[in-house]
Amino acid sequence: MTHQTHYQAQLAQSSVNPSLLCGHCNSILSPSKIFRNPGDRDFDGSCAVIGLCSADDCGSVNCCDDALSRVDNPSRIVDLAS
């Protein structure tokens, strides 16, 4: 079994619209690749929101909980994504 490394997504600074960045390569995480992790998914850990990086050479799994906790309305990002 392979162990997949999880990164912590970062909140983009000085952005008009809240955007999340990949904790590995700093690419913007696409809203279409951010989703709730209800516990029955194949992602370890206690992340409520997961973001998958779609950069060509990255593909990292990001936990978005910490970054979303610093947004005024985090459900706005997740609702657009989910």
C-alpha atoms as a PDB file:
ATOM      1  CA  MET A   1       0.000   0.000   0.000  1.00  0.00           C
ATOM      2  CA  THR A   2       1.348   3.416  -0.885  1.00  0.00           C
ATOM      3  CA  HIS A   3       1.221   6.368   1.480  1.00  0.00           C
ATOM      4  CA  GLN A   4      -0.048   9.556  -0.094  1.00  0.00           C
ATOM      5  CA  THR A   5       1.307  12.833   1.235  1.00  0.00           C
ATOM      6  CA  HIS A   6      -1.301  15.433   2.093  1.00  0.00           C
ATOM      7  CA  TYR A   7      -0.442  19.116   1.948  1.00  0.00           C
ATOM      8  CA  GLN A   8      -2.076  22.108   3.604  1.00  0.00           C
ATOM      9  CA  ALA A   9      -3.781  24.446   1.137  1.00  0.00           C
ATOM     10  CA  GLN A  10      -2.949  28.117   1.565  1.00  0.00           C
ATOM     11  CA  LEU A  11      -5.224  31.126   1.241  1.00  0.00           C
ATOM     12  CA  ALA A  12      -4.093  33.427  -1.579  1.00  0.00           C
ATOM     13  CA  GLN A  13      -3.084  36.813  -0.182  1.00  0.00           C
ATOM     14  CA  SER A  14      -4.408  40.087  -1.643  1.00  0.00           C
ATOM     15  CA  SER A  15      -7.028  38.340  -3.738  1.00  0.00           C
ATOM     16  CA  VAL A  16     -10.385  39.976  -4.462  1.00  0.00           C
ATOM     17  CA  ASN A  17     -12.072  36.570  -4.520  1.00  0.00           C
ATOM     18  CA  PRO A  18     -10.885  34.037  -1.958  1.00  0.00           C
ATOM     19  CA  SER A  19      -8.665  31.519  -3.707  1.00  0.00           C
ATOM     20  CA  LEU A  20      -6.863  28.496  -2.359  1.00  0.00           C
ATOM     21  CA  LEU A  21      -3.334  27.588  -3.361  1.00  0.00           C
ATOM     22  CA  CYS A  22      -1.755  24.149  -3.436  1.00  0.00           C
ATOM     23  CA  GLY A  23       0.508  23.618  -0.436  1.00  0.00           C
ATOM     24  CA  HIS A  24       3.007  21.798  -2.650  1.00  0.00           C
ATOM     25  CA  CYS A  25       3.378  23.865  -5.844  1.00  0.00           C
ATOM     26  CA  ASN A  26       1.409  27.088  -5.068  1.00  0.00           C
ATOM     27  CA  SER A  27      -0.917  26.652  -8.061  1.00  0.00           C
ATOM     28  CA  ILE A  28      -4.493  27.873  -7.669  1.00  0.00           C
ATOM     29  CA  LEU A  29      -6.813  25.033  -6.710  1.00  0.00           C
ATOM     30  CA  SER A  30      -9.694  24.868  -9.148  1.00  0.00           C
ATOM     31  CA  PRO A  31     -13.142  25.040  -7.519  1.00  0.00           C
ATOM     32  CA  SER A  32     -14.072  21.950  -9.556  1.00  0.00           C
ATOM     33  CA  LYS A  33     -11.381  20.016  -7.653  1.00  0.00           C
ATOM     34  CA  ILE A  34     -12.414  21.100  -4.136  1.00  0.00           C
ATOM     35  CA  PHE A  35     -14.955  18.933  -2.360  1.00  0.00           C
ATOM     36  CA  ARG A  36     -16.280  17.905   1.019  1.00  0.00           C
ATOM     37  CA  ASN A  37     -14.762  14.793   2.572  1.00  0.00           C
ATOM     38  CA  PRO A  38     -17.680  13.159   4.390  1.00  0.00           C
ATOM     39  CA  GLY A  39     -15.548  10.323   5.745  1.00  0.00           C
ATOM     40  CA  ASP A  40     -16.493   7.633   3.259  1.00  0.00           C
ATOM     41  CA  ARG A  41     -13.919   8.799   0.737  1.00  0.00           C
ATOM     42  CA  ASP A  42     -10.474   7.261   0.316  1.00  0.00           C
ATOM     43  CA  PHE A  43      -8.624  10.170   1.936  1.00  0.00           C
ATOM     44  CA  ASP A  44      -6.982   9.647   5.299  1.00  0.00           C
ATOM     45  CA  GLY A  45      -7.105  12.214   8.013  1.00  0.00           C
ATOM     46  CA  SER A  46      -9.756  14.424   9.430  1.00  0.00           C
ATOM     47  CA  CYS A  47      -9.983  16.995   6.654  1.00  0.00           C
ATOM     48  CA  ALA A  48     -13.554  18.139   6.071  1.00  0.00           C
ATOM     49  CA  VAL A  49     -12.633  19.734   2.719  1.00  0.00           C
ATOM     50  CA  ILE A  50     -10.143  18.283   0.234  1.00  0.00           C
ATOM     51  CA  GLY A  51      -8.590  20.078  -2.751  1.00  0.00           C
ATOM     52  CA  LEU A  52      -6.873  18.227  -5.568  1.00  0.00           C
ATOM     53  CA  CYS A  53      -4.193  20.132  -7.459  1.00  0.00           C
ATOM     54  CA  SER A  54      -4.683  19.968 -11.201  1.00  0.00           C
ATOM     55  CA  ALA A  55      -1.231  21.292 -12.144  1.00  0.00           C
ATOM     56  CA  ASP A  56       0.389  19.019 -14.739  1.00  0.00           C
ATOM     57  CA  ASP A  57       3.350  17.959 -12.638  1.00  0.00           C
ATOM     58  CA  CYS A  58       1.734  18.089  -9.194  1.00  0.00           C
ATOM     59  CA  GLY A  59      -1.574  16.304  -8.517  1.00  0.00           C
ATOM     60  CA  SER A  60      -1.222  16.753  -4.739  1.00  0.00           C
ATOM     61  CA  VAL A  61      -4.011  16.231  -2.223  1.00  0.00           C
ATOM     62  CA  ASN A  62      -4.566  19.308  -0.053  1.00  0.00           C
ATOM     63  CA  CYS A  63      -6.444  19.679   3.205  1.00  0.00           C
ATOM     64  CA  CYS A  64      -8.319  22.991   2.935  1.00  0.00           C
ATOM     65  CA  ASP A  65      -9.733  23.273   6.457  1.00  0.00           C
ATOM     66  CA  ASP A  66      -7.139  25.678   7.871  1.00  0.00           C
ATOM     67  CA  ALA A  67      -7.209  27.992   4.834  1.00  0.00           C
ATOM     68  CA  LEU A  68     -11.015  28.050   4.798  1.00  0.00           C
ATOM     69  CA  SER A  69     -11.107  28.934   8.493  1.00  0.00           C
ATOM     70  CA  ARG A  70      -9.570  32.311   7.577  1.00  0.00           C
ATOM     71  CA  VAL A  71     -12.251  33.170   4.978  1.00  0.00           C
ATOM     72  CA  ASP A  72     -15.298  35.231   6.007  1.00  0.00           C
ATOM     73  CA  ASN A  73     -17.704  32.907   4.195  1.00  0.00           C
ATOM     74  CA  PRO A  74     -15.935  29.562   3.570  1.00  0.00           C
ATOM     75  CA  SER A  75     -19.135  27.830   2.460  1.00  0.00           C
ATOM     76  CA  ARG A  76     -19.136  30.122  -0.577  1.00  0.00           C
ATOM     77  CA  ILE A  77     -15.995  28.421  -1.924  1.00  0.00           C
ATOM     78  CA  VAL A  78     -17.108  24.928  -1.024  1.00  0.00           C
ATOM     79  CA  ASP A  79     -20.672  25.393  -2.291  1.00  0.00           C
ATOM     80  CA  LEU A  80     -19.337  26.540  -5.662  1.00  0.00           C
ATOM     81  CA  ALA A  81     -17.029  23.540  -5.711  1.00  0.00           C
ATOM     82  CA  SER A  82     -19.284  20.804  -4.384  1.00  0.00           C
END
